[in-house]
Amino acid sequence: MLNLNKKHVLKFNFILLFVFFLSYPLYAQLIEGRVSTKLESLPIDKQQKLADFAEKVTHYINSNTRNDNTWNTDVFVDMELILRDNSSGAEEKYSAEILIHNNYDIQFYDKRWRFAYQSGDILTYNENALDSFTSLIEFYLNMVLGGEYDKWGTLAGTIYYEKARNIAEQSKFGLGRYQEGWDRRLELVNYFLSDRHKSFREMVDYYFYGLSFVKEDNEKARKHIGTAIKMLDRILANDPDNEYAQTFLKAHHIELVEVYRRAINKDPVRTLLVIDPGNETIYRELLDN
């Protein structure tokens, strides 16, 4: 087994993340989704009926254009569905948990989902139609798109958050017996569109704008990323338990360390040391070297 010290491990991890960022596709048109299902809790006959369900949902996600592709970038989505049987009589109904994320820094989990699905149904996309299954899928895809597009322009994800809110508002009152959880989903997207979350969204824009300069102009990159760190500091000063700020630091702390590894001014790292104590060892190592 290779004996890698901590510094080498950090550098290797950063290289993986940095390659991911620089290799972000430039010409794709669609969301690229991967879907997996856990069917073990279903009766055997339902497991057999839904054996190709993950494939159908993947096709549904990947075959429909939802973003205007302003920045010619792909959006990657991983989705895990855990299904349980909730049928009564001949009607096939399910309860489910969904975990949806971009394998990077955006993630949503929902365990209050009820939907109807008859084996053999063809999943179709209609932005103006309510459906107990596809409406929830579309809600969370728009939430992910909102987060991704905020990285490419100031509050650029607003259009997608507004689409998600429209779905939530209609579903809360229009899905009848399948309306469970829509009050919380509406709460969630309203928070994302609120002034309370605005500073976080603006911080994300500064951060990714700075990150885009890493390869060509380190000083410019550090300037904008330094602004993002100051904004994070203010966000956490006002709300120490802000889950989105904490998730952001968890996802990006390795990148942050590498951006400032050769910097003369390491004040932003000292700020990180205060606002992200969980990674104190990593920041101290950089400051001490």
C-alpha atoms as a PDB file:
ATOM      1  CA  MET A   1       0.000   0.000   0.000  1.00  0.00           C
ATOM      2  CA  LEU A   2       1.262   3.477  -0.849  1.00  0.00           C
ATOM      3  CA  ASN A   3       2.196   5.554   2.153  1.00  0.00           C
ATOM      4  CA  LEU A   4       0.779   8.982   1.250  1.00  0.00           C
ATOM      5  CA  ASN A   5       1.097  11.797   3.736  1.00  0.00           C
ATOM      6  CA  LYS A   6      -1.798  14.184   4.358  1.00  0.00           C
ATOM      7  CA  LYS A   7      -0.426  16.891   2.075  1.00  0.00           C
ATOM      8  CA  HIS A   8      -0.200  14.524  -0.887  1.00  0.00           C
ATOM      9  CA  VAL A   9      -3.719  13.235  -0.233  1.00  0.00           C
ATOM     10  CA  LEU A  10      -5.064  16.797  -0.192  1.00  0.00           C
ATOM     11  CA  LYS A  11      -3.279  17.648  -3.433  1.00  0.00           C
ATOM     12  CA  PHE A  12      -4.593  14.490  -5.083  1.00  0.00           C
ATOM     13  CA  ASN A  13      -8.165  15.211  -3.961  1.00  0.00           C
ATOM     14  CA  PHE A  14      -7.933  18.760  -5.245  1.00  0.00           C
ATOM     15  CA  ILE A  15      -6.652  17.575  -8.616  1.00  0.00           C
ATOM     16  CA  LEU A  16      -9.703  15.327  -8.954  1.00  0.00           C
ATOM     17  CA  LEU A  17     -12.073  18.158  -8.080  1.00  0.00           C
ATOM     18  CA  PHE A  18     -10.253  20.665 -10.261  1.00  0.00           C
ATOM     19  CA  VAL A  19     -10.237  18.329 -13.260  1.00  0.00           C
ATOM     20  CA  PHE A  20     -13.969  17.854 -12.724  1.00  0.00           C
ATOM     21  CA  PHE A  21     -14.522  21.617 -12.790  1.00  0.00           C
ATOM     22  CA  LEU A  22     -12.353  22.298 -15.835  1.00  0.00           C
ATOM     23  CA  SER A  23     -13.863  19.383 -17.753  1.00  0.00           C
ATOM     24  CA  TYR A  24     -17.430  20.574 -17.226  1.00  0.00           C
ATOM     25  CA  PRO A  25     -19.030  20.028 -20.671  1.00  0.00           C
ATOM     26  CA  LEU A  26     -19.462  23.082 -22.907  1.00  0.00           C
ATOM     27  CA  TYR A  27     -21.845  21.957 -25.615  1.00  0.00           C
ATOM     28  CA  ALA A  28     -24.437  19.578 -24.175  1.00  0.00           C
ATOM     29  CA  GLN A  29     -28.130  20.451 -24.400  1.00  0.00           C
ATOM     30  CA  LEU A  30     -29.837  18.343 -21.754  1.00  0.00           C
ATOM     31  CA  ILE A  31     -29.859  17.351 -18.139  1.00  0.00           C
ATOM     32  CA  GLU A  32     -27.865  14.142 -17.824  1.00  0.00           C
ATOM     33  CA  GLY A  33     -29.439  11.971 -15.178  1.00  0.00           C
ATOM     34  CA  ARG A  34     -28.657   8.636 -13.609  1.00  0.00           C
ATOM     35  CA  VAL A  35     -31.403   6.899 -11.668  1.00  0.00           C
ATOM     36  CA  SER A  36     -31.208   3.942  -9.337  1.00  0.00           C
ATOM     37  CA  THR A  37     -34.053   2.239  -7.494  1.00  0.00           C
ATOM     38  CA  LYS A  38     -34.295   0.213  -4.314  1.00  0.00           C
ATOM     39  CA  LEU A  39     -37.232  -2.161  -4.591  1.00  0.00           C
ATOM     40  CA  GLU A  40     -36.456  -4.643  -1.812  1.00  0.00           C
ATOM     41  CA  SER A  41     -39.395  -3.482   0.318  1.00  0.00           C
ATOM     42  CA  LEU A  42     -41.895  -4.231  -2.450  1.00  0.00           C
ATOM     43  CA  PRO A  43     -43.719  -7.552  -2.880  1.00  0.00           C
ATOM     44  CA  ILE A  44     -42.002  -9.845  -5.372  1.00  0.00           C
ATOM     45  CA  ASP A  45     -44.611  -9.251  -8.064  1.00  0.00           C
ATOM     46  CA  LYS A  46     -44.157  -5.481  -7.798  1.00  0.00           C
ATOM     47  CA  GLN A  47     -40.377  -5.854  -7.906  1.00  0.00           C
ATOM     48  CA  GLN A  48     -40.767  -7.730 -11.174  1.00  0.00           C
ATOM     49  CA  LYS A  49     -43.184  -5.160 -12.600  1.00  0.00           C
ATOM     50  CA  LEU A  50     -40.822  -2.298 -11.735  1.00  0.00           C
ATOM     51  CA  ALA A  51     -37.586  -4.020 -12.768  1.00  0.00           C
ATOM     52  CA  ASP A  52     -37.103  -1.476 -15.564  1.00  0.00           C
ATOM     53  CA  PHE A  53     -38.436   1.523 -13.625  1.00  0.00           C
ATOM     54  CA  ALA A  54     -35.014   3.141 -13.143  1.00  0.00           C
ATOM     55  CA  GLU A  55     -34.416   2.887 -16.887  1.00  0.00           C
ATOM     56  CA  LYS A  56     -37.784   4.511 -17.643  1.00  0.00           C
ATOM     57  CA  VAL A  57     -37.183   7.385 -15.235  1.00  0.00           C
ATOM     58  CA  THR A  58     -33.674   7.910 -16.625  1.00  0.00           C
ATOM     59  CA  HIS A  59     -35.095   8.099 -20.140  1.00  0.00           C
ATOM     60  CA  TYR A  60     -37.776  10.528 -18.966  1.00  0.00           C
ATOM     61  CA  ILE A  61     -35.185  12.865 -17.415  1.00  0.00           C
ATOM     62  CA  ASN A  62     -32.673  12.725 -20.250  1.00  0.00           C
ATOM     63  CA  SER A  63     -35.075  13.003 -23.171  1.00  0.00           C
ATOM     64  CA  ASN A  64     -36.633  16.340 -22.222  1.00  0.00           C
ATOM     65  CA  THR A  65     -34.982  19.756 -22.534  1.00  0.00           C
ATOM     66  CA  ARG A  66     -35.681  21.912 -19.475  1.00  0.00           C
ATOM     67  CA  ASN A  67     -32.883  24.478 -19.485  1.00  0.00           C
ATOM     68  CA  ASP A  68     -32.317  27.308 -21.935  1.00  0.00           C
ATOM     69  CA  ASN A  69     -28.612  26.373 -22.023  1.00  0.00           C
ATOM     70  CA  THR A  70     -27.517  30.024 -21.879  1.00  0.00           C
ATOM     71  CA  TRP A  71     -24.007  29.022 -20.809  1.00  0.00           C
ATOM     72  CA  ASN A  72     -23.793  25.834 -22.900  1.00  0.00           C
ATOM     73  CA  THR A  73     -23.264  23.656 -19.869  1.00  0.00           C
ATOM     74  CA  ASP A  74     -24.580  20.250 -18.949  1.00  0.00           C
ATOM     75  CA  VAL A  75     -26.254  19.598 -15.614  1.00  0.00           C
ATOM     76  CA  PHE A  76     -25.549  16.233 -14.008  1.00  0.00           C
ATOM     77  CA  VAL A  77     -28.116  14.695 -11.691  1.00  0.00           C
ATOM     78  CA  ASP A  78     -27.997  11.468  -9.705  1.00  0.00           C
ATOM     79  CA  MET A  79     -31.293  10.234  -8.300  1.00  0.00           C
ATOM     80  CA  GLU A  80     -32.007   7.367  -5.924  1.00  0.00           C
ATOM     81  CA  LEU A  81     -35.582   6.199  -5.384  1.00  0.00           C
ATOM     82  CA  ILE A  82     -36.559   3.946  -2.487  1.00  0.00           C
ATOM     83  CA  LEU A  83     -40.037   2.536  -3.141  1.00  0.00           C
ATOM     84  CA  ARG A  84     -42.611   0.961  -0.856  1.00  0.00           C
ATOM     85  CA  ASP A  85     -45.968  -0.496  -1.850  1.00  0.00           C
ATOM     86  CA  ASN A  86     -48.993   1.596  -0.903  1.00  0.00           C
ATOM     87  CA  SER A  87     -51.544  -0.025  -3.209  1.00  0.00           C
ATOM     88  CA  SER A  88     -55.196  -0.587  -2.480  1.00  0.00           C
ATOM     89  CA  GLY A  89     -57.245  -2.920  -4.636  1.00  0.00           C
ATOM     90  CA  ALA A  90     -56.343  -2.784  -8.313  1.00  0.00           C
ATOM     91  CA  GLU A  91     -54.831   0.688  -8.106  1.00  0.00           C
ATOM     92  CA  GLU A  92     -51.037   0.697  -7.903  1.00  0.00           C
ATOM     93  CA  LYS A  93     -49.825   3.339  -5.457  1.00  0.00           C
ATOM     94  CA  TYR A  94     -46.430   3.822  -3.872  1.00  0.00           C
ATOM     95  CA  SER A  95     -44.720   5.767  -1.160  1.00  0.00           C
ATOM     96  CA  ALA A  96     -41.114   6.697  -1.759  1.00  0.00           C
ATOM     97  CA  GLU A  97     -37.988   8.471  -0.626  1.00  0.00           C
ATOM     98  CA  ILE A  98     -35.928  10.428  -3.118  1.00  0.00           C
ATOM     99  CA  LEU A  99     -32.312  11.521  -2.874  1.00  0.00           C
ATOM    100  CA  ILE A 100     -31.246  13.818  -5.707  1.00  0.00           C
ATOM    101  CA  HIS A 101     -27.828  15.427  -6.028  1.00  0.00           C
ATOM    102  CA  ASN A 102     -25.202  16.617  -8.496  1.00  0.00           C
ATOM    103  CA  ASN A 103     -22.302  14.596  -7.029  1.00  0.00           C
ATOM    104  CA  TYR A 104     -20.704  17.855  -5.966  1.00  0.00           C
ATOM    105  CA  ASP A 105     -22.430  20.463  -3.836  1.00  0.00           C
ATOM    106  CA  ILE A 106     -26.226  20.303  -4.308  1.00  0.00           C
ATOM    107  CA  GLN A 107     -28.409  17.704  -2.623  1.00  0.00           C
ATOM    108  CA  PHE A 108     -32.067  17.274  -1.692  1.00  0.00           C
ATOM    109  CA  TYR A 109     -33.711  14.487   0.251  1.00  0.00           C
ATOM    110  CA  ASP A 110     -37.459  13.935   0.553  1.00  0.00           C
ATOM    111  CA  LYS A 111     -39.238  11.094   2.315  1.00  0.00           C
ATOM    112  CA  ARG A 112     -42.848  12.347   2.066  1.00  0.00           C
ATOM    113  CA  TRP A 113     -43.767  11.253  -1.422  1.00  0.00           C
ATOM    114  CA  ARG A 114     -46.896   9.409  -2.522  1.00  0.00           C
ATOM    115  CA  PHE A 115     -47.667   8.675  -6.158  1.00  0.00           C
ATOM    116  CA  ALA A 116     -49.720   6.501  -8.475  1.00  0.00           C
ATOM    117  CA  TYR A 117     -48.054   4.465 -11.175  1.00  0.00           C
ATOM    118  CA  GLN A 118     -49.480   1.647 -13.231  1.00  0.00           C
ATOM    119  CA  SER A 119     -46.924  -0.809 -14.557  1.00  0.00           C
ATOM    120  CA  GLY A 120     -46.410  -0.068 -18.207  1.00  0.00           C
ATOM    121  CA  ASP A 121     -47.270   3.623 -17.947  1.00  0.00           C
ATOM    122  CA  ILE A 122     -45.229   5.840 -20.257  1.00  0.00           C
ATOM    123  CA  LEU A 123     -43.736   8.811 -18.432  1.00  0.00           C
ATOM    124  CA  THR A 124     -44.286  12.001 -20.395  1.00  0.00           C
ATOM    125  CA  TYR A 125     -43.192  15.583 -19.787  1.00  0.00           C
ATOM    126  CA  ASN A 126     -45.825  18.316 -19.746  1.00  0.00           C
ATOM    127  CA  GLU A 127     -44.824  21.511 -17.992  1.00  0.00           C
ATOM    128  CA  ASN A 128     -48.460  22.495 -17.491  1.00  0.00           C
ATOM    129  CA  ALA A 129     -49.869  19.191 -16.242  1.00  0.00           C
ATOM    130  CA  LEU A 130     -49.922  17.915 -12.662  1.00  0.00           C
ATOM    131  CA  ASP A 131     -48.942  14.330 -11.972  1.00  0.00           C
ATOM    132  CA  SER A 132     -48.210  12.692  -8.622  1.00  0.00           C
ATOM    133  CA  PHE A 133     -44.943  11.239  -9.967  1.00  0.00           C
ATOM    134  CA  THR A 134     -43.542  13.603 -12.589  1.00  0.00           C
ATOM    135  CA  SER A 135     -44.491  16.798 -10.724  1.00  0.00           C
ATOM    136  CA  LEU A 136     -42.146  15.901  -7.879  1.00  0.00           C
ATOM    137  CA  ILE A 137     -39.385  14.883 -10.277  1.00  0.00           C
ATOM    138  CA  GLU A 138     -39.752  18.204 -12.103  1.00  0.00           C
ATOM    139  CA  PHE A 139     -39.801  20.139  -8.830  1.00  0.00           C
ATOM    140  CA  TYR A 140     -36.438  18.797  -7.719  1.00  0.00           C
ATOM    141  CA  LEU A 141     -34.869  18.965 -11.185  1.00  0.00           C
ATOM    142  CA  ASN A 142     -35.724  22.668 -11.220  1.00  0.00           C
ATOM    143  CA  MET A 143     -34.269  23.077  -7.727  1.00  0.00           C
ATOM    144  CA  VAL A 144     -31.000  21.529  -8.951  1.00  0.00           C
ATOM    145  CA  LEU A 145     -31.046  23.685 -12.105  1.00  0.00           C
ATOM    146  CA  GLY A 146     -31.567  26.758  -9.939  1.00  0.00           C
ATOM    147  CA  GLY A 147     -28.495  25.955  -7.882  1.00  0.00           C
ATOM    148  CA  GLU A 148     -26.381  25.173 -10.931  1.00  0.00           C
ATOM    149  CA  TYR A 149     -27.338  28.314 -12.838  1.00  0.00           C
ATOM    150  CA  ASP A 150     -26.644  30.517  -9.810  1.00  0.00           C
ATOM    151  CA  LYS A 151     -23.017  29.509 -10.391  1.00  0.00           C
ATOM    152  CA  TRP A 152     -23.026  31.060 -13.860  1.00  0.00           C
ATOM    153  CA  GLY A 153     -24.552  34.466 -13.157  1.00  0.00           C
ATOM    154  CA  THR A 154     -25.884  36.568 -10.303  1.00  0.00           C
ATOM    155  CA  LEU A 155     -29.179  34.986  -9.225  1.00  0.00           C
ATOM    156  CA  ALA A 156     -29.351  33.325 -12.663  1.00  0.00           C
ATOM    157  CA  GLY A 157     -31.127  30.313 -11.185  1.00  0.00           C
ATOM    158  CA  THR A 158     -34.199  32.373 -10.270  1.00  0.00           C
ATOM    159  CA  ILE A 159     -36.155  31.272 -13.332  1.00  0.00           C
ATOM    160  CA  TYR A 160     -35.822  27.625 -12.273  1.00  0.00           C
ATOM    161  CA  TYR A 161     -36.676  28.278  -8.641  1.00  0.00           C
ATOM    162  CA  GLU A 162     -39.782  30.100  -9.856  1.00  0.00           C
ATOM    163  CA  LYS A 163     -40.708  27.082 -11.989  1.00  0.00           C
ATOM    164  CA  ALA A 164     -40.277  24.872  -8.919  1.00  0.00           C
ATOM    165  CA  ARG A 165     -42.449  27.225  -6.883  1.00  0.00           C
ATOM    166  CA  ASN A 166     -45.166  27.150  -9.520  1.00  0.00           C
ATOM    167  CA  ILE A 167     -45.149  23.326  -9.410  1.00  0.00           C
ATOM    168  CA  ALA A 168     -45.300  23.343  -5.604  1.00  0.00           C
ATOM    169  CA  GLU A 169     -48.141  25.872  -5.459  1.00  0.00           C
ATOM    170  CA  GLN A 170     -50.241  23.921  -7.942  1.00  0.00           C
ATOM    171  CA  SER A 171     -49.450  20.538  -6.404  1.00  0.00           C
ATOM    172  CA  LYS A 172     -50.231  21.670  -2.864  1.00  0.00           C
ATOM    173  CA  PHE A 173     -53.840  22.296  -3.842  1.00  0.00           C
ATOM    174  CA  GLY A 174     -54.266  20.274  -7.022  1.00  0.00           C
ATOM    175  CA  LEU A 175     -52.970  16.777  -6.304  1.00  0.00           C
ATOM    176  CA  GLY A 176     -55.738  15.800  -3.877  1.00  0.00           C
ATOM    177  CA  ARG A 177     -54.801  12.686  -1.915  1.00  0.00           C
ATOM    178  CA  TYR A 178     -51.224  12.926  -3.240  1.00  0.00           C
ATOM    179  CA  GLN A 179     -50.609  16.405  -1.827  1.00  0.00           C
ATOM    180  CA  GLU A 180     -48.574  15.157   1.168  1.00  0.00           C
ATOM    181  CA  GLY A 181     -45.287  17.015   1.523  1.00  0.00           C
ATOM    182  CA  TRP A 182     -46.076  19.814  -0.903  1.00  0.00           C
ATOM    183  CA  ASP A 183     -46.495  22.384   1.869  1.00  0.00           C
ATOM    184  CA  ARG A 184     -42.895  21.699   2.924  1.00  0.00           C
ATOM    185  CA  ARG A 185     -41.642  21.767  -0.654  1.00  0.00           C
ATOM    186  CA  LEU A 186     -43.302  25.127  -1.169  1.00  0.00           C
ATOM    187  CA  GLU A 187     -41.657  26.327   2.040  1.00  0.00           C
ATOM    188  CA  LEU A 188     -38.293  25.126   0.734  1.00  0.00           C
ATOM    189  CA  VAL A 189     -38.435  26.928  -2.610  1.00  0.00           C
ATOM    190  CA  ASN A 190     -39.853  30.077  -1.014  1.00  0.00           C
ATOM    191  CA  TYR A 191     -36.803  30.125   1.234  1.00  0.00           C
ATOM    192  CA  PHE A 192     -34.491  29.758  -1.768  1.00  0.00           C
ATOM    193  CA  LEU A 193     -36.190  32.765  -3.397  1.00  0.00           C
ATOM    194  CA  SER A 194     -36.261  34.838  -0.203  1.00  0.00           C
ATOM    195  CA  ASP A 195     -33.997  37.694   0.853  1.00  0.00           C
ATOM    196  CA  ARG A 196     -32.740  35.440   3.660  1.00  0.00           C
ATOM    197  CA  HIS A 197     -31.060  33.159   1.101  1.00  0.00           C
ATOM    198  CA  LYS A 198     -30.083  35.869  -1.386  1.00  0.00           C
ATOM    199  CA  SER A 199     -26.636  36.524   0.107  1.00  0.00           C
ATOM    200  CA  PHE A 200     -25.775  32.826  -0.137  1.00  0.00           C
ATOM    201  CA  ARG A 201     -26.783  32.714  -3.794  1.00  0.00           C
ATOM    202  CA  GLU A 202     -24.715  35.829  -4.517  1.00  0.00           C
ATOM    203  CA  MET A 203     -21.762  34.264  -2.704  1.00  0.00           C
ATOM    204  CA  VAL A 204     -21.977  31.195  -4.935  1.00  0.00           C
ATOM    205  CA  ASP A 205     -21.728  33.428  -8.001  1.00  0.00           C
ATOM    206  CA  TYR A 206     -18.605  35.168  -6.652  1.00  0.00           C
ATOM    207  CA  TYR A 207     -17.011  31.848  -5.784  1.00  0.00           C
ATOM    208  CA  PHE A 208     -17.504  30.178  -9.160  1.00  0.00           C
ATOM    209  CA  TYR A 209     -16.597  33.342 -11.039  1.00  0.00           C
ATOM    210  CA  GLY A 210     -13.318  33.354  -9.128  1.00  0.00           C
ATOM    211  CA  LEU A 211     -12.800  29.638  -9.672  1.00  0.00           C
ATOM    212  CA  SER A 212     -13.101  30.170 -13.421  1.00  0.00           C
ATOM    213  CA  PHE A 213      -9.868  32.218 -13.338  1.00  0.00           C
ATOM    214  CA  VAL A 214      -7.758  29.668 -11.438  1.00  0.00           C
ATOM    215  CA  LYS A 215      -6.000  28.404 -14.534  1.00  0.00           C
ATOM    216  CA  GLU A 216      -5.174  31.799 -16.089  1.00  0.00           C
ATOM    217  CA  ASP A 217      -5.056  34.420 -13.314  1.00  0.00           C
ATOM    218  CA  ASN A 218      -4.561  33.271  -9.739  1.00  0.00           C
ATOM    219  CA  GLU A 219      -4.692  36.760  -8.284  1.00  0.00           C
ATOM    220  CA  LYS A 220      -8.027  37.478  -9.915  1.00  0.00           C
ATOM    221  CA  ALA A 221      -9.305  34.094  -8.758  1.00  0.00           C
ATOM    222  CA  ARG A 222      -8.202  34.797  -5.169  1.00  0.00           C
ATOM    223  CA  LYS A 223      -9.776  38.251  -5.227  1.00  0.00           C
ATOM    224  CA  HIS A 224     -13.255  36.982  -6.079  1.00  0.00           C
ATOM    225  CA  ILE A 225     -12.994  33.849  -3.952  1.00  0.00           C
ATOM    226  CA  GLY A 226     -11.797  36.036  -1.083  1.00  0.00           C
ATOM    227  CA  THR A 227     -14.985  38.087  -1.467  1.00  0.00           C
ATOM    228  CA  ALA A 228     -17.007  34.866  -1.355  1.00  0.00           C
ATOM    229  CA  ILE A 229     -15.259  33.856   1.886  1.00  0.00           C
ATOM    230  CA  LYS A 230     -16.094  37.225   3.460  1.00  0.00           C
ATOM    231  CA  MET A 231     -19.701  36.750   2.432  1.00  0.00           C
ATOM    232  CA  LEU A 232     -19.708  33.265   3.974  1.00  0.00           C
ATOM    233  CA  ASP A 233     -18.311  34.786   7.160  1.00  0.00           C
ATOM    234  CA  ARG A 234     -21.217  37.261   7.319  1.00  0.00           C
ATOM    235  CA  ILE A 235     -23.780  34.562   6.536  1.00  0.00           C
ATOM    236  CA  LEU A 236     -22.518  32.328   9.344  1.00  0.00           C
ATOM    237  CA  ALA A 237     -22.176  35.255  11.759  1.00  0.00           C
ATOM    238  CA  ASN A 238     -25.900  35.905  11.315  1.00  0.00           C
ATOM    239  CA  ASP A 239     -26.868  32.231  11.164  1.00  0.00           C
ATOM    240  CA  PRO A 240     -24.197  29.877  12.586  1.00  0.00           C
ATOM    241  CA  ASP A 241     -26.277  26.803  11.751  1.00  0.00           C
ATOM    242  CA  ASN A 242     -26.957  27.743   8.117  1.00  0.00           C
ATOM    243  CA  GLU A 243     -27.060  24.297   6.515  1.00  0.00           C
ATOM    244  CA  TYR A 244     -26.349  25.547   2.990  1.00  0.00           C
ATOM    245  CA  ALA A 245     -23.235  27.437   4.046  1.00  0.00           C
ATOM    246  CA  GLN A 246     -22.047  24.388   5.979  1.00  0.00           C
ATOM    247  CA  THR A 247     -22.692  22.114   2.994  1.00  0.00           C
ATOM    248  CA  PHE A 248     -20.836  24.530   0.727  1.00  0.00           C
ATOM    249  CA  LEU A 249     -17.741  24.465   2.958  1.00  0.00           C
ATOM    250  CA  LYS A 250     -17.878  20.690   3.183  1.00  0.00           C
ATOM    251  CA  ALA A 251     -17.932  20.417  -0.614  1.00  0.00           C
ATOM    252  CA  HIS A 252     -15.346  23.097  -1.411  1.00  0.00           C
ATOM    253  CA  HIS A 253     -12.816  23.283   1.435  1.00  0.00           C
ATOM    254  CA  ILE A 254     -10.185  21.309  -0.494  1.00  0.00           C
ATOM    255  CA  GLU A 255     -10.514  23.650  -3.488  1.00  0.00           C
ATOM    256  CA  LEU A 256     -10.242  26.648  -1.180  1.00  0.00           C
ATOM    257  CA  VAL A 257      -7.040  25.356   0.372  1.00  0.00           C
ATOM    258  CA  GLU A 258      -5.415  24.803  -3.010  1.00  0.00           C
ATOM    259  CA  VAL A 259      -6.415  28.230  -4.322  1.00  0.00           C
ATOM    260  CA  TYR A 260      -4.486  29.845  -1.456  1.00  0.00           C
ATOM    261  CA  ARG A 261      -1.646  27.343  -1.141  1.00  0.00           C
ATOM    262  CA  ARG A 262       0.896  29.629  -2.835  1.00  0.00           C
ATOM    263  CA  ALA A 263      -0.737  32.924  -1.923  1.00  0.00           C
ATOM    264  CA  ILE A 264       1.257  35.507   0.028  1.00  0.00           C
ATOM    265  CA  ASN A 265      -1.857  36.862   1.714  1.00  0.00           C
ATOM    266  CA  LYS A 266      -3.516  34.012   3.554  1.00  0.00           C
ATOM    267  CA  ASP A 267      -6.046  36.097   5.486  1.00  0.00           C
ATOM    268  CA  PRO A 268      -8.954  34.298   3.744  1.00  0.00           C
ATOM    269  CA  VAL A 269      -7.619  31.007   5.126  1.00  0.00           C
ATOM    270  CA  ARG A 270      -7.590  32.518   8.628  1.00  0.00           C
ATOM    271  CA  THR A 271     -11.240  33.385   8.126  1.00  0.00           C
ATOM    272  CA  LEU A 272     -11.939  29.812   7.032  1.00  0.00           C
ATOM    273  CA  LEU A 273     -10.200  28.589  10.178  1.00  0.00           C
ATOM    274  CA  VAL A 274     -12.794  30.456  12.233  1.00  0.00           C
ATOM    275  CA  ILE A 275     -15.952  29.701  10.247  1.00  0.00           C
ATOM    276  CA  ASP A 276     -15.125  26.088   9.390  1.00  0.00           C
ATOM    277  CA  PRO A 277     -13.656  24.561  12.576  1.00  0.00           C
ATOM    278  CA  GLY A 278     -14.398  21.054  11.353  1.00  0.00           C
ATOM    279  CA  ASN A 279     -11.517  21.392   8.898  1.00  0.00           C
ATOM    280  CA  GLU A 280      -9.190  23.236  11.284  1.00  0.00           C
ATOM    281  CA  THR A 281      -6.319  20.777  10.785  1.00  0.00           C
ATOM    282  CA  ILE A 282      -6.274  21.342   7.018  1.00  0.00           C
ATOM    283  CA  TYR A 283      -6.286  25.125   7.315  1.00  0.00           C
ATOM    284  CA  ARG A 284      -3.631  25.151  10.057  1.00  0.00           C
ATOM    285  CA  GLU A 285      -1.347  22.967   7.972  1.00  0.00           C
ATOM    286  CA  LEU A 286      -1.528  25.504   5.145  1.00  0.00           C
ATOM    287  CA  LEU A 287      -0.942  28.467   7.471  1.00  0.00           C
ATOM    288  CA  ASP A 288       2.011  26.782   9.176  1.00  0.00           C
ATOM    289  CA  ASN A 289       3.847  25.966   5.941  1.00  0.00           C
END
